[in-house]
Amino acid sequence: VAALSGETPPRGDTPMVDVRDVAAAHVAAYETPGAAGSAPAEAHRFLVSTQTAYRRDDLLSLLAEAYPKAVIAARAKPAPSAAERAGDRVVFCGKNVAKLDGVAVRPAAEALLDQAAAMLSLGAVALRPRTGPFGRVRKFFARR
C-alpha cells in the first residue's frame, strides 16, 4: 500500500508469497495423505515463500514500470545485476512444498503486480498521479 501511495515501504528486503499460493498449499496439505505425518516437525512443515529475499528496490522498480503515470516511492539505488543477485542467500527452504501436488510458488513479480492491481480495483489504495515539474506550484496557487 505504501509504495502505491508514493511512500517508501517500511520493510527492506523480504521473502514474498502470493496468498493464492498459500491457500493452494493449505488445501493440498489437507488433501495429501501423510502430510501431517508422525515424523519430526521439520518433516511436515510447509514454508510457502520465495527462497530468497525480494529487494525493495526491485519491488519499487516493478511498480514504477507498471504504473508510469503514478508517483511511486523513489528507489534508493539501481536494481542489482544478475551477477549481483547470484549471491543472494537462501532465507527459506520450501522443499516440502514440492511434495504437494499442484503447488508452486509463483514468481514474486507476478504476485506483486497482481496484488497491486487487486488493491487498486477494490479501492484499497489510490495512485497519486504525477503532476509534472510545476504540479506543486499549480496546487499552491490553486489554494489561494
C-alpha atoms as a PDB file:
ATOM      1  CA  VAL A   1       0.000   0.000   0.000  1.00  0.00           C
ATOM      2  CA  ALA A   2       2.779   2.423   0.911  1.00  0.00           C
ATOM      3  CA  ALA A   3       4.620   2.023  -2.415  1.00  0.00           C
ATOM      4  CA  LEU A   4       1.446   2.559  -4.448  1.00  0.00           C
ATOM      5  CA  SER A   5       0.719   5.684  -2.392  1.00  0.00           C
ATOM      6  CA  GLY A   6       4.140   7.167  -3.176  1.00  0.00           C
ATOM      7  CA  GLU A   7       5.691   6.344   0.191  1.00  0.00           C
ATOM      8  CA  THR A   8       8.682   4.116   0.877  1.00  0.00           C
ATOM      9  CA  PRO A   9       7.579   0.740   2.264  1.00  0.00           C
ATOM     10  CA  PRO A  10       8.773   0.205   5.847  1.00  0.00           C
ATOM     11  CA  ARG A  11      10.427  -3.155   5.206  1.00  0.00           C
ATOM     12  CA  GLY A  12      13.516  -3.510   3.102  1.00  0.00           C
ATOM     13  CA  ASP A  13      14.311  -6.894   1.666  1.00  0.00           C
ATOM     14  CA  THR A  14      11.753  -9.587   2.387  1.00  0.00           C
ATOM     15  CA  PRO A  15      10.682 -13.009   1.133  1.00  0.00           C
ATOM     16  CA  MET A  16       7.321 -12.906  -0.632  1.00  0.00           C
ATOM     17  CA  VAL A  17       4.456 -15.232  -1.407  1.00  0.00           C
ATOM     18  CA  ASP A  18       1.125 -14.824  -3.128  1.00  0.00           C
ATOM     19  CA  VAL A  19      -1.865 -15.503  -0.895  1.00  0.00           C
ATOM     20  CA  ARG A  20      -3.270 -17.758  -3.636  1.00  0.00           C
ATOM     21  CA  ASP A  21      -0.205 -19.988  -3.306  1.00  0.00           C
ATOM     22  CA  VAL A  22      -0.625 -20.152   0.469  1.00  0.00           C
ATOM     23  CA  ALA A  23      -4.283 -21.122   0.049  1.00  0.00           C
ATOM     24  CA  ALA A  24      -3.375 -23.805  -2.514  1.00  0.00           C
ATOM     25  CA  ALA A  25      -0.736 -25.197  -0.137  1.00  0.00           C
ATOM     26  CA  HIS A  26      -3.266 -25.346   2.713  1.00  0.00           C
ATOM     27  CA  VAL A  27      -5.751 -27.270   0.591  1.00  0.00           C
ATOM     28  CA  ALA A  28      -3.073 -29.584  -0.814  1.00  0.00           C
ATOM     29  CA  ALA A  29      -1.663 -30.293   2.660  1.00  0.00           C
ATOM     30  CA  TYR A  30      -5.157 -31.128   3.880  1.00  0.00           C
ATOM     31  CA  GLU A  31      -5.814 -33.425   0.931  1.00  0.00           C
ATOM     32  CA  THR A  32      -2.393 -35.135   0.871  1.00  0.00           C
ATOM     33  CA  PRO A  33      -2.327 -38.344   2.907  1.00  0.00           C
ATOM     34  CA  GLY A  34       0.506 -38.232   5.422  1.00  0.00           C
ATOM     35  CA  ALA A  35       1.129 -34.504   5.073  1.00  0.00           C
ATOM     36  CA  ALA A  36       0.578 -34.051   8.804  1.00  0.00           C
ATOM     37  CA  GLY A  37       2.834 -37.063   9.365  1.00  0.00           C
ATOM     38  CA  SER A  38       4.152 -38.502  12.549  1.00  0.00           C
ATOM     39  CA  ALA A  39       7.795 -37.758  11.760  1.00  0.00           C
ATOM     40  CA  PRO A  40       9.742 -34.913  13.379  1.00  0.00           C
ATOM     41  CA  ALA A  41       8.185 -31.484  12.934  1.00  0.00           C
ATOM     42  CA  GLU A  42      10.552 -30.395  10.153  1.00  0.00           C
ATOM     43  CA  ALA A  43       9.439 -33.356   8.028  1.00  0.00           C
ATOM     44  CA  HIS A  44       5.924 -31.964   7.687  1.00  0.00           C
ATOM     45  CA  ARG A  45       6.278 -28.197   7.894  1.00  0.00           C
ATOM     46  CA  PHE A  46       5.449 -26.340   4.720  1.00  0.00           C
ATOM     47  CA  LEU A  47       7.120 -22.967   4.260  1.00  0.00           C
ATOM     48  CA  VAL A  48       5.437 -21.315   1.309  1.00  0.00           C
ATOM     49  CA  SER A  49       7.643 -18.434   0.201  1.00  0.00           C
ATOM     50  CA  THR A  50      10.240 -17.302  -2.259  1.00  0.00           C
ATOM     51  CA  GLN A  51      13.543 -18.808  -1.192  1.00  0.00           C
ATOM     52  CA  THR A  52      15.457 -15.551  -1.272  1.00  0.00           C
ATOM     53  CA  ALA A  53      14.534 -12.112  -0.067  1.00  0.00           C
ATOM     54  CA  TYR A  54      12.944  -9.824  -2.630  1.00  0.00           C
ATOM     55  CA  ARG A  55      14.676  -6.439  -2.761  1.00  0.00           C
ATOM     56  CA  ARG A  56      12.558  -3.372  -2.025  1.00  0.00           C
ATOM     57  CA  ASP A  57      14.234  -1.523  -4.892  1.00  0.00           C
ATOM     58  CA  ASP A  58      13.162  -4.287  -7.290  1.00  0.00           C
ATOM     59  CA  LEU A  59       9.606  -4.056  -5.986  1.00  0.00           C
ATOM     60  CA  LEU A  60       9.552  -0.293  -6.478  1.00  0.00           C
ATOM     61  CA  SER A  61      11.047  -0.579  -9.977  1.00  0.00           C
ATOM     62  CA  LEU A  62       8.366  -3.088 -10.994  1.00  0.00           C
ATOM     63  CA  LEU A  63       5.590  -0.840  -9.722  1.00  0.00           C
ATOM     64  CA  ALA A  64       7.083   2.255 -11.359  1.00  0.00           C
ATOM     65  CA  GLU A  65       7.300   0.416 -14.675  1.00  0.00           C
ATOM     66  CA  ALA A  66       3.746  -0.935 -14.378  1.00  0.00           C
ATOM     67  CA  TYR A  67       2.277   2.435 -13.346  1.00  0.00           C
ATOM     68  CA  PRO A  68       4.398   5.089 -15.126  1.00  0.00           C
ATOM     69  CA  LYS A  69       1.875   7.902 -14.590  1.00  0.00           C
ATOM     70  CA  ALA A  70       1.802   7.388 -10.812  1.00  0.00           C
ATOM     71  CA  VAL A  71       4.081   8.615  -8.063  1.00  0.00           C
ATOM     72  CA  ILE A  72       5.871   5.525  -6.775  1.00  0.00           C
ATOM     73  CA  ALA A  73       8.380   5.825  -3.930  1.00  0.00           C
ATOM     74  CA  ALA A  74      11.902   6.591  -5.099  1.00  0.00           C
ATOM     75  CA  ARG A  75      14.349   3.768  -5.467  1.00  0.00           C
ATOM     76  CA  ALA A  76      17.431   4.032  -3.277  1.00  0.00           C
ATOM     77  CA  LYS A  77      19.749   2.543  -5.880  1.00  0.00           C
ATOM     78  CA  PRO A  78      19.538   0.886  -9.302  1.00  0.00           C
ATOM     79  CA  ALA A  79      18.318  -2.693  -9.349  1.00  0.00           C
ATOM     80  CA  PRO A  80      21.216  -5.148  -8.941  1.00  0.00           C
ATOM     81  CA  SER A  81      22.508  -7.069 -11.926  1.00  0.00           C
ATOM     82  CA  ALA A  82      22.003 -10.806 -12.407  1.00  0.00           C
ATOM     83  CA  ALA A  83      25.592 -11.360 -11.269  1.00  0.00           C
ATOM     84  CA  GLU A  84      24.898  -9.462  -8.040  1.00  0.00           C
ATOM     85  CA  ARG A  85      21.735 -11.474  -7.441  1.00  0.00           C
ATOM     86  CA  ALA A  86      23.587 -14.755  -7.791  1.00  0.00           C
ATOM     87  CA  GLY A  87      24.988 -14.093  -4.346  1.00  0.00           C
ATOM     88  CA  ASP A  88      21.556 -13.988  -2.685  1.00  0.00           C
ATOM     89  CA  ARG A  89      21.377 -16.327   0.238  1.00  0.00           C
ATOM     90  CA  VAL A  90      18.519 -18.732   0.736  1.00  0.00           C
ATOM     91  CA  VAL A  91      16.244 -17.465   3.503  1.00  0.00           C
ATOM     92  CA  PHE A  92      13.568 -20.173   3.395  1.00  0.00           C
ATOM     93  CA  CYS A  93      13.757 -23.694   2.132  1.00  0.00           C
ATOM     94  CA  GLY A  94      10.411 -24.764   0.696  1.00  0.00           C
ATOM     95  CA  LYS A  95      11.439 -28.291  -0.250  1.00  0.00           C
ATOM     96  CA  ASN A  96       8.414 -29.822   1.477  1.00  0.00           C
ATOM     97  CA  VAL A  97       6.033 -27.713  -0.611  1.00  0.00           C
ATOM     98  CA  ALA A  98       7.332 -29.520  -3.707  1.00  0.00           C
ATOM     99  CA  LYS A  99       5.869 -32.727  -2.236  1.00  0.00           C
ATOM    100  CA  LEU A 100       2.364 -31.296  -2.527  1.00  0.00           C
ATOM    101  CA  ASP A 101       0.716 -31.900  -5.889  1.00  0.00           C
ATOM    102  CA  GLY A 102      -0.111 -28.774  -7.858  1.00  0.00           C
ATOM    103  CA  VAL A 103       1.555 -26.301  -5.515  1.00  0.00           C
ATOM    104  CA  ALA A 104       4.246 -23.970  -6.800  1.00  0.00           C
ATOM    105  CA  VAL A 105       5.188 -20.514  -5.628  1.00  0.00           C
ATOM    106  CA  ARG A 106       4.547 -18.061  -8.450  1.00  0.00           C
ATOM    107  CA  PRO A 107       7.263 -15.510  -9.229  1.00  0.00           C
ATOM    108  CA  ALA A 108       7.379 -12.559  -6.846  1.00  0.00           C
ATOM    109  CA  ALA A 109       6.934 -10.066  -9.704  1.00  0.00           C
ATOM    110  CA  GLU A 110       3.697 -11.736 -10.795  1.00  0.00           C
ATOM    111  CA  ALA A 111       2.390 -11.870  -7.232  1.00  0.00           C
ATOM    112  CA  LEU A 112       3.267  -8.227  -6.608  1.00  0.00           C
ATOM    113  CA  LEU A 113       1.679  -6.872  -9.772  1.00  0.00           C
ATOM    114  CA  ASP A 114      -1.459  -8.974  -9.293  1.00  0.00           C
ATOM    115  CA  GLN A 115      -1.720  -7.716  -5.704  1.00  0.00           C
ATOM    116  CA  ALA A 116      -1.310  -4.098  -6.819  1.00  0.00           C
ATOM    117  CA  ALA A 117      -3.997  -4.486  -9.491  1.00  0.00           C
ATOM    118  CA  ALA A 118      -6.383  -6.088  -6.988  1.00  0.00           C
ATOM    119  CA  MET A 119      -5.811  -3.371  -4.387  1.00  0.00           C
ATOM    120  CA  LEU A 120      -6.432  -0.657  -6.960  1.00  0.00           C
ATOM    121  CA  SER A 121      -9.559  -2.299  -8.362  1.00  0.00           C
ATOM    122  CA  LEU A 122     -11.002  -2.746  -4.860  1.00  0.00           C
ATOM    123  CA  GLY A 123     -10.231   0.844  -3.905  1.00  0.00           C
ATOM    124  CA  ALA A 124      -7.908  -0.209  -1.081  1.00  0.00           C
ATOM    125  CA  VAL A 125      -5.370   2.304  -2.349  1.00  0.00           C
ATOM    126  CA  ALA A 126      -5.395   5.159  -4.849  1.00  0.00           C
ATOM    127  CA  LEU A 127      -2.451   6.033  -7.044  1.00  0.00           C
ATOM    128  CA  ARG A 128      -1.087   9.550  -6.783  1.00  0.00           C
ATOM    129  CA  PRO A 129      -0.777  10.845 -10.349  1.00  0.00           C
ATOM    130  CA  ARG A 130       2.428  12.505 -11.452  1.00  0.00           C
ATOM    131  CA  THR A 131       1.819  16.226 -11.720  1.00  0.00           C
ATOM    132  CA  GLY A 132       4.791  17.259 -13.837  1.00  0.00           C
ATOM    133  CA  PRO A 133       7.514  19.744 -12.920  1.00  0.00           C
ATOM    134  CA  PHE A 134       5.107  22.536 -11.997  1.00  0.00           C
ATOM    135  CA  GLY A 135       2.366  20.480 -10.380  1.00  0.00           C
ATOM    136  CA  ARG A 136       3.179  21.588  -6.844  1.00  0.00           C
ATOM    137  CA  VAL A 137       3.366  25.224  -7.883  1.00  0.00           C
ATOM    138  CA  ARG A 138      -0.059  24.982  -9.560  1.00  0.00           C
ATOM    139  CA  LYS A 139      -1.531  23.316  -6.464  1.00  0.00           C
ATOM    140  CA  PHE A 140      -0.087  26.061  -4.260  1.00  0.00           C
ATOM    141  CA  PHE A 141      -1.671  28.849  -6.317  1.00  0.00           C
ATOM    142  CA  ALA A 142      -4.949  26.955  -6.742  1.00  0.00           C
ATOM    143  CA  ARG A 143      -5.452  27.017  -2.957  1.00  0.00           C
ATOM    144  CA  ARG A 144      -5.180  30.820  -2.754  1.00  0.00           C
END
